[in-house]
PDB file of N, CA and C in Angstrom:
ATOM      1  N   MET A   1     -15.402 -61.352  -9.173  1.00  0.00           N
ATOM      2  CA  MET A   1     -14.406 -60.640  -8.384  1.00  0.00           C
ATOM      3  C   MET A   1     -14.089 -59.276  -9.006  1.00  0.00           C
ATOM      4  N   GLY A   2     -13.976 -59.221 -10.339  1.00  0.00           N
ATOM      5  CA  GLY A   2     -13.678 -57.970 -11.032  1.00  0.00           C
ATOM      6  C   GLY A   2     -14.789 -56.951 -10.878  1.00  0.00           C
ATOM      7  N   GLN A   3     -16.047 -57.438 -10.810  1.00  0.00           N
ATOM      8  CA  GLN A   3     -17.174 -56.525 -10.665  1.00  0.00           C
ATOM      9  C   GLN A   3     -17.167 -55.854  -9.298  1.00  0.00           C
ATOM     10  N   ILE A   4     -16.737 -56.555  -8.280  1.00  0.00           N
ATOM     11  CA  ILE A   4     -16.673 -55.992  -6.924  1.00  0.00           C
ATOM     12  C   ILE A   4     -15.647 -54.865  -6.872  1.00  0.00           C
ATOM     13  N   ILE A   5     -14.520 -55.053  -7.534  1.00  0.00           N
ATOM     14  CA  ILE A   5     -13.476 -54.018  -7.550  1.00  0.00           C
ATOM     15  C   ILE A   5     -13.981 -52.774  -8.278  1.00  0.00           C
ATOM     16  N   ILE A   6     -14.659 -52.955  -9.403  1.00  0.00           N
ATOM     17  CA  ILE A   6     -15.186 -51.816 -10.162  1.00  0.00           C
ATOM     18  C   ILE A   6     -16.240 -51.079  -9.343  1.00  0.00           C
ATOM     19  N   ILE A   7     -17.129 -51.810  -8.679  1.00  0.00           N
ATOM     20  CA  ILE A   7     -18.145 -51.175  -7.825  1.00  0.00           C
ATOM     21  C   ILE A   7     -17.470 -50.426  -6.677  1.00  0.00           C
ATOM     22  N   GLY A   8     -16.402 -50.985  -6.123  1.00  0.00           N
ATOM     23  CA  GLY A   8     -15.654 -50.312  -5.052  1.00  0.00           C
ATOM     24  C   GLY A   8     -15.054 -48.996  -5.528  1.00  0.00           C
ATOM     25  N   TYR A   9     -14.465 -48.988  -6.738  1.00  0.00           N
ATOM     26  CA  TYR A   9     -13.910 -47.752  -7.297  1.00  0.00           C
ATOM     27  C   TYR A   9     -14.995 -46.702  -7.516  1.00  0.00           C
ATOM     28  N   ILE A  10     -16.126 -47.122  -8.025  1.00  0.00           N
ATOM     29  CA  ILE A  10     -17.228 -46.189  -8.275  1.00  0.00           C
ATOM     30  C   ILE A  10     -17.738 -45.598  -6.962  1.00  0.00           C
ATOM     31  N   LEU A  11     -17.934 -46.433  -5.947  1.00  0.00           N
ATOM     32  CA  LEU A  11     -18.406 -45.934  -4.647  1.00  0.00           C
ATOM     33  C   LEU A  11     -17.377 -45.008  -4.006  1.00  0.00           C
ATOM     34  N   ASP A  12     -16.088 -45.365  -4.096  1.00  0.00           N
ATOM     35  CA  ASP A  12     -15.035 -44.493  -3.552  1.00  0.00           C
ATOM     36  C   ASP A  12     -15.039 -43.134  -4.241  1.00  0.00           C
ATOM     37  N   THR A  13     -15.215 -43.124  -5.549  1.00  0.00           N
ATOM     38  CA  THR A  13     -15.241 -41.870  -6.305  1.00  0.00           C
ATOM     39  C   THR A  13     -16.430 -41.014  -5.891  1.00  0.00           C
ATOM     40  N   ILE A  14     -17.581 -41.621  -5.749  1.00  0.00           N
ATOM     41  CA  ILE A  14     -18.783 -40.876  -5.351  1.00  0.00           C
ATOM     42  C   ILE A  14     -18.624 -40.315  -3.942  1.00  0.00           C
ATOM     43  N   VAL A  15     -18.143 -41.115  -3.018  1.00  0.00           N
ATOM     44  CA  VAL A  15     -17.948 -40.660  -1.634  1.00  0.00           C
ATOM     45  C   VAL A  15     -16.913 -39.538  -1.590  1.00  0.00           C
ATOM     46  N   ALA A  16     -15.804 -39.685  -2.315  1.00  0.00           N
ATOM     47  CA  ALA A  16     -14.766 -38.649  -2.331  1.00  0.00           C
ATOM     48  C   ALA A  16     -15.309 -37.347  -2.909  1.00  0.00           C
ATOM     49  N   PHE A  17     -16.144 -37.429  -3.936  1.00  0.00           N
ATOM     50  CA  PHE A  17     -16.740 -36.236  -4.527  1.00  0.00           C
ATOM     51  C   PHE A  17     -17.607 -35.495  -3.510  1.00  0.00           C
ATOM     52  N   PHE A  18     -18.464 -36.216  -2.807  1.00  0.00           N
ATOM     53  CA  PHE A  18     -19.352 -35.567  -1.843  1.00  0.00           C
ATOM     54  C   PHE A  18     -18.598 -35.021  -0.630  1.00  0.00           C
ATOM     55  N   ILE A  19     -17.571 -35.715  -0.188  1.00  0.00           N
ATOM     56  CA  ILE A  19     -16.753 -35.192   0.922  1.00  0.00           C
ATOM     57  C   ILE A  19     -16.035 -33.923   0.477  1.00  0.00           C
ATOM     58  N   GLY A  20     -15.484 -33.928  -0.731  1.00  0.00           N
ATOM     59  CA  GLY A  20     -14.821 -32.731  -1.263  1.00  0.00           C
ATOM     60  C   GLY A  20     -15.778 -31.569  -1.410  1.00  0.00           C
ATOM     61  N   ALA A  21     -16.982 -31.838  -1.895  1.00  0.00           N
ATOM     62  CA  ALA A  21     -17.987 -30.784  -2.042  1.00  0.00           C
ATOM     63  C   ALA A  21     -18.395 -30.227  -0.681  1.00  0.00           C
ATOM     64  N   TRP A  22     -18.515 -31.085   0.316  1.00  0.00           N
ATOM     65  CA  TRP A  22     -18.888 -30.654   1.659  1.00  0.00           C
ATOM     66  C   TRP A  22     -17.838 -29.714   2.252  1.00  0.00           C
ATOM     67  N   PHE A  23     -16.552 -30.077   2.167  1.00  0.00           N
ATOM     68  CA  PHE A  23     -15.503 -29.250   2.757  1.00  0.00           C
ATOM     69  C   PHE A  23     -15.186 -28.011   1.924  1.00  0.00           C
ATOM     70  N   SER A  24     -15.373 -28.065   0.621  1.00  0.00           N
ATOM     71  CA  SER A  24     -15.048 -26.904  -0.210  1.00  0.00           C
ATOM     72  C   SER A  24     -16.027 -25.758  -0.003  1.00  0.00           C
ATOM     73  N   ARG A  25     -17.181 -26.021   0.528  1.00  0.00           N
ATOM     74  CA  ARG A  25     -18.139 -24.933   0.753  1.00  0.00           C
ATOM     75  C   ARG A  25     -17.596 -23.907   1.738  1.00  0.00           C
ATOM     76  N   PHE A  26     -16.733 -24.306   2.663  1.00  0.00           N
ATOM     77  CA  PHE A  26     -16.133 -23.363   3.606  1.00  0.00           C
ATOM     78  C   PHE A  26     -15.179 -22.420   2.887  1.00  0.00           C
ATOM     79  N   TRP A  27     -14.402 -22.949   1.933  1.00  0.00           N
ATOM     80  CA  TRP A  27     -13.447 -22.111   1.196  1.00  0.00           C
ATOM     81  C   TRP A  27     -14.148 -21.252   0.163  1.00  0.00           C
ATOM     82  N   LEU A  28     -15.250 -21.702  -0.366  1.00  0.00           N
ATOM     83  CA  LEU A  28     -15.952 -20.937  -1.386  1.00  0.00           C
ATOM     84  C   LEU A  28     -16.745 -19.781  -0.795  1.00  0.00           C
ATOM     85  N   ARG A  29     -17.192 -19.902   0.423  1.00  0.00           N
ATOM     86  CA  ARG A  29     -17.969 -18.832   1.052  1.00  0.00           C
ATOM     87  C   ARG A  29     -17.097 -17.690   1.541  1.00  0.00           C
ATOM     88  N   HIS A  30     -15.862 -17.965   1.879  1.00  0.00           N
ATOM     89  CA  HIS A  30     -15.000 -16.955   2.492  1.00  0.00           C
ATOM     90  C   HIS A  30     -14.874 -15.670   1.671  1.00  0.00           C
ATOM     91  N   PRO A  31     -14.642 -15.709   0.366  1.00  0.00           N
ATOM     92  CA  PRO A  31     -14.505 -14.447  -0.370  1.00  0.00           C
ATOM     93  C   PRO A  31     -15.771 -13.606  -0.391  1.00  0.00           C
ATOM     94  N   PHE A  32     -16.918 -14.205  -0.130  1.00  0.00           N
ATOM     95  CA  PHE A  32     -18.172 -13.480  -0.221  1.00  0.00           C
ATOM     96  C   PHE A  32     -18.643 -12.920   1.120  1.00  0.00           C
ATOM     97  N   ARG A  33     -17.887 -13.135   2.177  1.00  0.00           N
ATOM     98  CA  ARG A  33     -18.307 -12.652   3.502  1.00  0.00           C
ATOM     99  C   ARG A  33     -18.142 -11.145   3.633  1.00  0.00           C
ATOM    100  N   VAL A  34     -17.035 -10.609   3.143  1.00  0.00           N
ATOM    101  CA  VAL A  34     -16.755  -9.181   3.276  1.00  0.00           C
ATOM    102  C   VAL A  34     -16.880  -8.542   1.904  1.00  0.00           C
ATOM    103  N   LYS A  35     -17.748  -7.575   1.803  1.00  0.00           N
ATOM    104  CA  LYS A  35     -17.897  -6.889   0.527  1.00  0.00           C
ATOM    105  C   LYS A  35     -16.731  -5.921   0.349  1.00  0.00           C
ATOM    106  N   PRO A  36     -16.194  -5.822  -0.847  1.00  0.00           N
ATOM    107  CA  PRO A  36     -15.064  -4.920  -1.071  1.00  0.00           C
ATOM    108  C   PRO A  36     -15.495  -3.464  -0.949  1.00  0.00           C
ATOM    109  N   ALA A  37     -14.601  -2.655  -0.428  1.00  0.00           N
ATOM    110  CA  ALA A  37     -14.875  -1.230  -0.308  1.00  0.00           C
ATOM    111  C   ALA A  37     -14.763  -0.595  -1.687  1.00  0.00           C
ATOM    112  N   THR A  38     -15.717   0.244  -2.021  1.00  0.00           N
ATOM    113  CA  THR A  38     -15.691   0.938  -3.302  1.00  0.00           C
ATOM    114  C   THR A  38     -15.946   2.411  -3.066  1.00  0.00           C
ATOM    115  N   GLY A  39     -15.669   3.213  -4.062  1.00  0.00           N
ATOM    116  CA  GLY A  39     -15.893   4.642  -3.958  1.00  0.00           C
ATOM    117  C   GLY A  39     -14.930   5.291  -2.985  1.00  0.00           C
ATOM    118  N   LYS A  40     -15.416   6.309  -2.306  1.00  0.00           N
ATOM    119  CA  LYS A  40     -14.530   7.056  -1.416  1.00  0.00           C
ATOM    120  C   LYS A  40     -14.100   6.238  -0.204  1.00  0.00           C
ATOM    121  N   ASP A  41     -14.884   5.246   0.198  1.00  0.00           N
ATOM    122  CA  ASP A  41     -14.496   4.405   1.333  1.00  0.00           C
ATOM    123  C   ASP A  41     -13.245   3.589   1.038  1.00  0.00           C
ATOM    124  N   SER A  42     -12.993   3.305  -0.224  1.00  0.00           N
ATOM    125  CA  SER A  42     -11.811   2.513  -0.572  1.00  0.00           C
ATOM    126  C   SER A  42     -10.524   3.314  -0.440  1.00  0.00           C
ATOM    127  N   LEU A  43     -10.605   4.625  -0.378  1.00  0.00           N
ATOM    128  CA  LEU A  43      -9.406   5.467  -0.273  1.00  0.00           C
ATOM    129  C   LEU A  43      -8.901   5.591   1.160  1.00  0.00           C
ATOM    130  N   ILE A  44      -9.779   5.460   2.127  1.00  0.00           N
ATOM    131  CA  ILE A  44      -9.398   5.643   3.525  1.00  0.00           C
ATOM    132  C   ILE A  44      -8.407   4.557   3.929  1.00  0.00           C
ATOM    133  N   GLY A  45      -7.290   4.987   4.503  1.00  0.00           N
ATOM    134  CA  GLY A  45      -6.261   4.053   4.935  1.00  0.00           C
ATOM    135  C   GLY A  45      -5.152   3.846   3.921  1.00  0.00           C
ATOM    136  N   LYS A  46      -5.303   4.376   2.737  1.00  0.00           N
ATOM    137  CA  LYS A  46      -4.261   4.228   1.719  1.00  0.00           C
ATOM    138  C   LYS A  46      -3.250   5.360   1.834  1.00  0.00           C
ATOM    139  N   THR A  47      -2.140   5.184   1.153  1.00  0.00           N
ATOM    140  CA  THR A  47      -1.108   6.214   1.130  1.00  0.00           C
ATOM    141  C   THR A  47      -0.971   6.743  -0.283  1.00  0.00           C
ATOM    142  N   GLY A  48      -0.462   7.953  -0.371  1.00  0.00           N
ATOM    143  CA  GLY A  48      -0.260   8.570  -1.674  1.00  0.00           C
ATOM    144  C   GLY A  48       0.911   9.526  -1.639  1.00  0.00           C
ATOM    145  N   GLU A  49       1.369   9.883  -2.818  1.00  0.00           N
ATOM    146  CA  GLU A  49       2.519  10.784  -2.946  1.00  0.00           C
ATOM    147  C   GLU A  49       2.030  12.196  -3.250  1.00  0.00           C
ATOM    148  N   ILE A  50       2.589  13.172  -2.529  1.00  0.00           N
ATOM    149  CA  ILE A  50       2.257  14.574  -2.761  1.00  0.00           C
ATOM    150  C   ILE A  50       2.866  14.978  -4.099  1.00  0.00           C
ATOM    151  N   LYS A  51       2.036  15.473  -5.012  1.00  0.00           N
ATOM    152  CA  LYS A  51       2.505  15.863  -6.343  1.00  0.00           C
ATOM    153  C   LYS A  51       2.813  17.351  -6.430  1.00  0.00           C
ATOM    154  N   SER A  52       2.001  18.184  -5.779  1.00  0.00           N
ATOM    155  CA  SER A  52       2.252  19.626  -5.816  1.00  0.00           C
ATOM    156  C   SER A  52       1.502  20.309  -4.682  1.00  0.00           C
ATOM    157  N   THR A  53       1.911  21.548  -4.424  1.00  0.00           N
ATOM    158  CA  THR A  53       1.266  22.378  -3.406  1.00  0.00           C
ATOM    159  C   THR A  53       0.378  23.391  -4.113  1.00  0.00           C
ATOM    160  N   LEU A  54      -0.846  23.533  -3.645  1.00  0.00           N
ATOM    161  CA  LEU A  54      -1.783  24.500  -4.204  1.00  0.00           C
ATOM    162  C   LEU A  54      -1.983  25.633  -3.199  1.00  0.00           C
ATOM    163  N   LYS A  55      -2.887  26.540  -3.481  1.00  0.00           N
ATOM    164  CA  LYS A  55      -3.163  27.659  -2.579  1.00  0.00           C
ATOM    165  C   LYS A  55      -3.932  27.196  -1.346  1.00  0.00           C
ATOM    166  N   ASN A  56      -3.867  28.000  -0.293  1.00  0.00           N
ATOM    167  CA  ASN A  56      -4.642  27.795   0.938  1.00  0.00           C
ATOM    168  C   ASN A  56      -4.412  26.433   1.580  1.00  0.00           C
ATOM    169  N   ASN A  57      -3.168  25.984   1.603  1.00  0.00           N
ATOM    170  CA  ASN A  57      -2.777  24.734   2.256  1.00  0.00           C
ATOM    171  C   ASN A  57      -3.385  23.493   1.595  1.00  0.00           C
ATOM    172  N   PHE A  58      -3.807  23.597   0.342  1.00  0.00           N
ATOM    173  CA  PHE A  58      -4.281  22.445  -0.420  1.00  0.00           C
ATOM    174  C   PHE A  58      -3.102  21.791  -1.125  1.00  0.00           C
ATOM    175  N   TYR A  59      -3.234  20.503  -1.362  1.00  0.00           N
ATOM    176  CA  TYR A  59      -2.190  19.740  -2.053  1.00  0.00           C
ATOM    177  C   TYR A  59      -2.838  18.884  -3.126  1.00  0.00           C
ATOM    178  N   GLU A  60      -2.028  18.477  -4.105  1.00  0.00           N
ATOM    179  CA  GLU A  60      -2.436  17.448  -5.052  1.00  0.00           C
ATOM    180  C   GLU A  60      -1.710  16.181  -4.654  1.00  0.00           C
ATOM    181  N   ILE A  61      -2.456  15.088  -4.504  1.00  0.00           N
ATOM    182  CA  ILE A  61      -1.879  13.828  -4.056  1.00  0.00           C
ATOM    183  C   ILE A  61      -2.310  12.718  -5.018  1.00  0.00           C
ATOM    184  N   ALA A  62      -1.384  11.833  -5.331  1.00  0.00           N
ATOM    185  CA  ALA A  62      -1.676  10.691  -6.207  1.00  0.00           C
ATOM    186  C   ALA A  62      -1.933   9.465  -5.342  1.00  0.00           C
ATOM    187  N   VAL A  63      -3.156   8.960  -5.411  1.00  0.00           N
ATOM    188  CA  VAL A  63      -3.541   7.742  -4.692  1.00  0.00           C
ATOM    189  C   VAL A  63      -4.106   6.778  -5.730  1.00  0.00           C
ATOM    190  N   ASP A  64      -3.541   5.591  -5.814  1.00  0.00           N
ATOM    191  CA  ASP A  64      -3.968   4.595  -6.806  1.00  0.00           C
ATOM    192  C   ASP A  64      -3.955   5.170  -8.223  1.00  0.00           C
ATOM    193  N   SER A  65      -2.905   5.897  -8.552  1.00  0.00           N
ATOM    194  CA  SER A  65      -2.701   6.474  -9.893  1.00  0.00           C
ATOM    195  C   SER A  65      -3.741   7.531 -10.253  1.00  0.00           C
ATOM    196  N   GLN A  66      -4.427   8.073  -9.270  1.00  0.00           N
ATOM    197  CA  GLN A  66      -5.391   9.140  -9.513  1.00  0.00           C
ATOM    198  C   GLN A  66      -4.973  10.362  -8.712  1.00  0.00           C
ATOM    199  N   ILE A  67      -5.128  11.534  -9.306  1.00  0.00           N
ATOM    200  CA  ILE A  67      -4.765  12.785  -8.640  1.00  0.00           C
ATOM    201  C   ILE A  67      -5.999  13.318  -7.910  1.00  0.00           C
ATOM    202  N   TRP A  68      -5.819  13.612  -6.617  1.00  0.00           N
ATOM    203  CA  TRP A  68      -6.891  14.126  -5.766  1.00  0.00           C
ATOM    204  C   TRP A  68      -6.449  15.430  -5.113  1.00  0.00           C
ATOM    205  N   ARG A  69      -7.418  16.245  -4.747  1.00  0.00           N
ATOM    206  CA  ARG A  69      -7.154  17.436  -3.950  1.00  0.00           C
ATOM    207  C   ARG A  69      -7.167  17.009  -2.492  1.00  0.00           C
ATOM    208  N   ALA A  70      -6.218  17.526  -1.724  1.00  0.00           N
ATOM    209  CA  ALA A  70      -6.104  17.091  -0.327  1.00  0.00           C
ATOM    210  C   ALA A  70      -5.843  18.270   0.592  1.00  0.00           C
ATOM    211  N   LEU A  71      -6.296  18.104   1.816  1.00  0.00           N
ATOM    212  CA  LEU A  71      -6.040  19.042   2.908  1.00  0.00           C
ATOM    213  C   LEU A  71      -5.457  18.260   4.074  1.00  0.00           C
ATOM    214  N   PRO A  72      -4.525  18.861   4.821  1.00  0.00           N
ATOM    215  CA  PRO A  72      -4.025  18.168   6.016  1.00  0.00           C
ATOM    216  C   PRO A  72      -5.135  18.045   7.061  1.00  0.00           C
ATOM    217  N   ASP A  73      -5.190  16.912   7.724  1.00  0.00           N
ATOM    218  CA  ASP A  73      -6.154  16.700   8.797  1.00  0.00           C
ATOM    219  C   ASP A  73      -5.862  17.655   9.948  1.00  0.00           C
ATOM    220  N   ASP A  74      -4.586  17.881  10.204  1.00  0.00           N
ATOM    221  CA  ASP A  74      -4.136  18.858  11.195  1.00  0.00           C
ATOM    222  C   ASP A  74      -3.638  20.085  10.426  1.00  0.00           C
ATOM    223  N   PRO A  75      -4.302  21.241  10.552  1.00  0.00           N
ATOM    224  CA  PRO A  75      -3.928  22.419   9.761  1.00  0.00           C
ATOM    225  C   PRO A  75      -2.479  22.877   9.947  1.00  0.00           C
ATOM    226  N   SER A  76      -1.832  22.482  11.041  1.00  0.00           N
ATOM    227  CA  SER A  76      -0.444  22.907  11.262  1.00  0.00           C
ATOM    228  C   SER A  76       0.557  22.064  10.470  1.00  0.00           C
ATOM    229  N   GLU A  77       0.124  20.931   9.928  1.00  0.00           N
ATOM    230  CA  GLU A  77       1.029  20.072   9.156  1.00  0.00           C
ATOM    231  C   GLU A  77       1.246  20.641   7.757  1.00  0.00           C
ATOM    232  N   THR A  78       2.484  20.521   7.286  1.00  0.00           N
ATOM    233  CA  THR A  78       2.800  20.890   5.911  1.00  0.00           C
ATOM    234  C   THR A  78       3.502  19.717   5.244  1.00  0.00           C
ATOM    235  N   PHE A  79       3.379  19.641   3.943  1.00  0.00           N
ATOM    236  CA  PHE A  79       3.960  18.549   3.169  1.00  0.00           C
ATOM    237  C   PHE A  79       4.828  19.118   2.061  1.00  0.00           C
ATOM    238  N   GLN A  80       5.818  18.353   1.658  1.00  0.00           N
ATOM    239  CA  GLN A  80       6.686  18.714   0.546  1.00  0.00           C
ATOM    240  C   GLN A  80       6.374  17.801  -0.635  1.00  0.00           C
ATOM    241  N   LYS A  81       6.705  18.277  -1.829  1.00  0.00           N
ATOM    242  CA  LYS A  81       6.509  17.472  -3.034  1.00  0.00           C
ATOM    243  C   LYS A  81       7.318  16.181  -2.918  1.00  0.00           C
ATOM    244  N   GLY A  82       6.694  15.047  -3.240  1.00  0.00           N
ATOM    245  CA  GLY A  82       7.356  13.751  -3.165  1.00  0.00           C
ATOM    246  C   GLY A  82       7.169  13.030  -1.844  1.00  0.00           C
ATOM    247  N   GLU A  83       6.643  13.714  -0.849  1.00  0.00           N
ATOM    248  CA  GLU A  83       6.417  13.106   0.466  1.00  0.00           C
ATOM    249  C   GLU A  83       5.210  12.159   0.399  1.00  0.00           C
ATOM    250  N   ILE A  84       5.233  11.122   1.219  1.00  0.00           N
ATOM    251  CA  ILE A  84       4.136  10.153   1.267  1.00  0.00           C
ATOM    252  C   ILE A  84       3.202  10.525   2.419  1.00  0.00           C
ATOM    253  N   ALA A  85       1.898  10.545   2.135  1.00  0.00           N
ATOM    254  CA  ALA A  85       0.897  10.908   3.141  1.00  0.00           C
ATOM    255  C   ALA A  85      -0.139   9.797   3.255  1.00  0.00           C
ATOM    256  N   TYR A  86      -0.787   9.752   4.400  1.00  0.00           N
ATOM    257  CA  TYR A  86      -1.795   8.745   4.751  1.00  0.00           C
ATOM    258  C   TYR A  86      -3.178   9.392   4.657  1.00  0.00           C
ATOM    259  N   VAL A  87      -4.120   8.740   3.987  1.00  0.00           N
ATOM    260  CA  VAL A  87      -5.482   9.270   3.840  1.00  0.00           C
ATOM    261  C   VAL A  87      -6.296   8.882   5.070  1.00  0.00           C
ATOM    262  N   LYS A  88      -6.738   9.893   5.828  1.00  0.00           N
ATOM    263  CA  LYS A  88      -7.507   9.638   7.049  1.00  0.00           C
ATOM    264  C   LYS A  88      -9.012   9.647   6.802  1.00  0.00           C
ATOM    265  N   SER A  89      -9.469  10.551   5.929  1.00  0.00           N
ATOM    266  CA  SER A  89     -10.903  10.618   5.650  1.00  0.00           C
ATOM    267  C   SER A  89     -11.121  11.283   4.297  1.00  0.00           C
ATOM    268  N   VAL A  90     -12.373  11.210   3.843  1.00  0.00           N
ATOM    269  CA  VAL A  90     -12.758  11.811   2.570  1.00  0.00           C
ATOM    270  C   VAL A  90     -14.067  12.554   2.788  1.00  0.00           C
ATOM    271  N   ARG A  91     -14.093  13.816   2.380  1.00  0.00           N
ATOM    272  CA  ARG A  91     -15.328  14.603   2.414  1.00  0.00           C
ATOM    273  C   ARG A  91     -15.484  15.270   1.060  1.00  0.00           C
ATOM    274  N   ASP A  92     -16.633  15.071   0.451  1.00  0.00           N
ATOM    275  CA  ASP A  92     -16.881  15.528  -0.917  1.00  0.00           C
ATOM    276  C   ASP A  92     -15.802  14.944  -1.827  1.00  0.00           C
ATOM    277  N   LEU A  93     -15.038  15.776  -2.508  1.00  0.00           N
ATOM    278  CA  LEU A  93     -13.952  15.284  -3.362  1.00  0.00           C
ATOM    279  C   LEU A  93     -12.594  15.677  -2.803  1.00  0.00           C
ATOM    280  N   THR A  94     -12.526  15.907  -1.507  1.00  0.00           N
ATOM    281  CA  THR A  94     -11.280  16.303  -0.855  1.00  0.00           C
ATOM    282  C   THR A  94     -10.832  15.216   0.110  1.00  0.00           C
ATOM    283  N   LEU A  95      -9.564  14.835  -0.001  1.00  0.00           N
ATOM    284  CA  LEU A  95      -8.976  13.866   0.924  1.00  0.00           C
ATOM    285  C   LEU A  95      -8.365  14.623   2.090  1.00  0.00           C
ATOM    286  N   TYR A  96      -8.509  14.101   3.280  1.00  0.00           N
ATOM    287  CA  TYR A  96      -7.869  14.666   4.463  1.00  0.00           C
ATOM    288  C   TYR A  96      -6.724  13.735   4.834  1.00  0.00           C
ATOM    289  N   ILE A  97      -5.524  14.291   4.844  1.00  0.00           N
ATOM    290  CA  ILE A  97      -4.310  13.481   4.950  1.00  0.00           C
ATOM    291  C   ILE A  97      -3.524  13.824   6.203  1.00  0.00           C
ATOM    292  N   SER A  98      -2.643  12.917   6.580  1.00  0.00           N
ATOM    293  CA  SER A  98      -1.730  13.161   7.699  1.00  0.00           C
ATOM    294  C   SER A  98      -0.398  12.518   7.364  1.00  0.00           C
ATOM    295  N   LYS A  99       0.609  12.894   8.125  1.00  0.00           N
ATOM    296  CA  LYS A  99       1.939  12.324   7.931  1.00  0.00           C
ATOM    297  C   LYS A  99       1.957  10.897   8.456  1.00  0.00           C
ATOM    298  N   ILE A 100       2.780  10.072   7.839  1.00  0.00           N
ATOM    299  CA  ILE A 100       2.955   8.694   8.298  1.00  0.00           C
ATOM    300  C   ILE A 100       3.915   8.719   9.468  1.00  0.00           C
ATOM    301  N   LYS A 101       3.519   8.088  10.570  1.00  0.00           N
ATOM    302  CA  LYS A 101       4.362   8.108  11.770  1.00  0.00           C
ATOM    303  C   LYS A 101       5.014   6.785  11.981  1.00  0.00           C
TER     304      LYS A 101
END
């Protein structure tokens, strides 16, 4: 009688392991479906604080603790120091920003 109980525990453990392995594959694959954005693509959609105004409508903006040169996406827009701006695009090493609406 004792041997039957031990065999039952062993079979239950093996079955539970395989069922867990089968269902966990769905959770393990999820992080690998979308590759993280890196480089300049990771900046698009982020916000940053205007640090200073430069010549010719250029600004210095801090995004993710890094200082970047920025231009307004709309040339008629102006920004003040301390204002928060939205990064719309990146060309070369210049961010194109707009006001948050």
